[in-house]
């Protein structure tokens, strides 16, 4: 139960940071974005390795997809800031 709550909270935090990133065009708090995305990625991969039940597996996959999208937005944002 704790794992599912932790994954839901991490997913929610990632979604909040994704929406915050959409509004700003500067790289003010990019380090916080990287830390949050990396934490979500590590936790979801860890819970995929030690999966207990189907619900935990589903939450881990959803969190992994959200973290991957967040990482891709970070890379795109840095590329746009540096090269454009």
C-alpha atoms as a PDB file:
ATOM      1  CA  UNK A   1       0.000   0.000   0.000  1.00  0.00           C
ATOM      2  CA  UNK A   2       2.831   2.404   0.873  1.00  0.00           C
ATOM      3  CA  UNK A   3       4.495   1.736  -2.468  1.00  0.00           C
ATOM      4  CA  UNK A   4       1.373   2.677  -4.387  1.00  0.00           C
ATOM      5  CA  UNK A   5       0.936   5.882  -2.393  1.00  0.00           C
ATOM      6  CA  UNK A   6       4.601   6.773  -2.913  1.00  0.00           C
ATOM      7  CA  UNK A   7       4.340   6.160  -6.656  1.00  0.00           C
ATOM      8  CA  UNK A   8       1.154   8.220  -6.865  1.00  0.00           C
ATOM      9  CA  UNK A   9       2.762  11.124  -4.996  1.00  0.00           C
ATOM     10  CA  UNK A  10       5.894  10.989  -7.163  1.00  0.00           C
ATOM     11  CA  UNK A  11       3.740  10.912 -10.310  1.00  0.00           C
ATOM     12  CA  UNK A  12       1.705  13.859  -9.087  1.00  0.00           C
ATOM     13  CA  UNK A  13       4.852  15.861  -8.302  1.00  0.00           C
ATOM     14  CA  UNK A  14       6.212  15.079 -11.774  1.00  0.00           C
ATOM     15  CA  UNK A  15       2.963  16.205 -13.388  1.00  0.00           C
ATOM     16  CA  UNK A  16       3.048  19.458 -11.436  1.00  0.00           C
ATOM     17  CA  UNK A  17       6.623  20.096 -12.557  1.00  0.00           C
ATOM     18  CA  UNK A  18       5.691  19.265 -16.155  1.00  0.00           C
ATOM     19  CA  UNK A  19       2.917  21.864 -16.078  1.00  0.00           C
ATOM     20  CA  UNK A  20       5.248  24.398 -14.463  1.00  0.00           C
ATOM     21  CA  UNK A  21       7.808  23.797 -17.190  1.00  0.00           C
ATOM     22  CA  UNK A  22       5.258  24.502 -19.921  1.00  0.00           C
ATOM     23  CA  UNK A  23       4.769  28.079 -18.759  1.00  0.00           C
ATOM     24  CA  UNK A  24       8.358  29.241 -18.378  1.00  0.00           C
ATOM     25  CA  UNK A  25      10.931  29.640 -21.129  1.00  0.00           C
ATOM     26  CA  UNK A  26      14.012  30.029 -18.921  1.00  0.00           C
ATOM     27  CA  UNK A  27      16.078  27.415 -17.111  1.00  0.00           C
ATOM     28  CA  UNK A  28      15.674  28.901 -13.644  1.00  0.00           C
ATOM     29  CA  UNK A  29      14.976  25.749 -11.671  1.00  0.00           C
ATOM     30  CA  UNK A  30      16.190  23.086 -14.060  1.00  0.00           C
ATOM     31  CA  UNK A  31      18.181  21.368 -11.307  1.00  0.00           C
ATOM     32  CA  UNK A  32      15.011  20.739  -9.310  1.00  0.00           C
ATOM     33  CA  UNK A  33      13.335  19.330 -12.424  1.00  0.00           C
ATOM     34  CA  UNK A  34      16.267  16.970 -12.982  1.00  0.00           C
ATOM     35  CA  UNK A  35      16.254  15.782  -9.361  1.00  0.00           C
ATOM     36  CA  UNK A  36      12.493  15.144  -9.354  1.00  0.00           C
ATOM     37  CA  UNK A  37      12.577  13.294 -12.682  1.00  0.00           C
ATOM     38  CA  UNK A  38      15.579  11.190 -11.676  1.00  0.00           C
ATOM     39  CA  UNK A  39      14.012  10.306  -8.327  1.00  0.00           C
ATOM     40  CA  UNK A  40      10.816   9.201 -10.044  1.00  0.00           C
ATOM     41  CA  UNK A  41      12.779   7.167 -12.574  1.00  0.00           C
ATOM     42  CA  UNK A  42      14.844   5.396  -9.908  1.00  0.00           C
ATOM     43  CA  UNK A  43      11.860   4.658  -7.655  1.00  0.00           C
ATOM     44  CA  UNK A  44       9.722   3.326 -10.490  1.00  0.00           C
ATOM     45  CA  UNK A  45      12.500   1.086 -11.842  1.00  0.00           C
ATOM     46  CA  UNK A  46      13.166  -0.209  -8.322  1.00  0.00           C
ATOM     47  CA  UNK A  47       9.487  -1.021  -7.825  1.00  0.00           C
ATOM     48  CA  UNK A  48       9.381  -2.718 -11.236  1.00  0.00           C
ATOM     49  CA  UNK A  49      12.231  -4.980 -10.170  1.00  0.00           C
ATOM     50  CA  UNK A  50      10.622  -5.962  -6.850  1.00  0.00           C
ATOM     51  CA  UNK A  51       7.019  -5.967  -8.047  1.00  0.00           C
ATOM     52  CA  UNK A  52       4.589  -7.551  -5.658  1.00  0.00           C
ATOM     53  CA  UNK A  53       1.224  -7.320  -7.357  1.00  0.00           C
ATOM     54  CA  UNK A  54      -0.423  -6.087 -10.539  1.00  0.00           C
ATOM     55  CA  UNK A  55      -1.512  -2.729  -9.102  1.00  0.00           C
ATOM     56  CA  UNK A  56       2.021  -1.904  -7.983  1.00  0.00           C
ATOM     57  CA  UNK A  57       3.321  -2.891 -11.408  1.00  0.00           C
ATOM     58  CA  UNK A  58       0.754  -0.660 -13.119  1.00  0.00           C
ATOM     59  CA  UNK A  59       1.589   2.342 -10.930  1.00  0.00           C
ATOM     60  CA  UNK A  60       5.290   1.788 -11.551  1.00  0.00           C
ATOM     61  CA  UNK A  61       4.788   1.712 -15.334  1.00  0.00           C
ATOM     62  CA  UNK A  62       2.658   4.878 -15.241  1.00  0.00           C
ATOM     63  CA  UNK A  63       5.248   6.652 -13.090  1.00  0.00           C
ATOM     64  CA  UNK A  64       8.021   5.497 -15.404  1.00  0.00           C
ATOM     65  CA  UNK A  65       6.196   6.883 -18.444  1.00  0.00           C
ATOM     66  CA  UNK A  66       5.534  10.206 -16.735  1.00  0.00           C
ATOM     67  CA  UNK A  67       9.186  10.444 -15.659  1.00  0.00           C
ATOM     68  CA  UNK A  68      10.367   9.601 -19.180  1.00  0.00           C
ATOM     69  CA  UNK A  69       8.135  12.338 -20.590  1.00  0.00           C
ATOM     70  CA  UNK A  70       9.454  14.778 -18.000  1.00  0.00           C
ATOM     71  CA  UNK A  71      13.059  13.895 -18.883  1.00  0.00           C
ATOM     72  CA  UNK A  72      12.336  14.367 -22.574  1.00  0.00           C
ATOM     73  CA  UNK A  73      10.838  17.792 -21.837  1.00  0.00           C
ATOM     74  CA  UNK A  74      13.918  18.716 -19.805  1.00  0.00           C
ATOM     75  CA  UNK A  75      16.222  17.727 -22.657  1.00  0.00           C
ATOM     76  CA  UNK A  76      14.083  19.595 -25.179  1.00  0.00           C
ATOM     77  CA  UNK A  77      13.943  22.655 -22.941  1.00  0.00           C
ATOM     78  CA  UNK A  78      17.733  22.725 -22.467  1.00  0.00           C
ATOM     79  CA  UNK A  79      18.302  22.216 -26.184  1.00  0.00           C
ATOM     80  CA  UNK A  80      15.935  25.048 -27.011  1.00  0.00           C
ATOM     81  CA  UNK A  81      17.539  27.356 -24.440  1.00  0.00           C
ATOM     82  CA  UNK A  82      21.104  26.654 -25.603  1.00  0.00           C
ATOM     83  CA  UNK A  83      20.749  26.425 -29.367  1.00  0.00           C
ATOM     84  CA  UNK A  84      17.778  28.592 -30.265  1.00  0.00           C
END
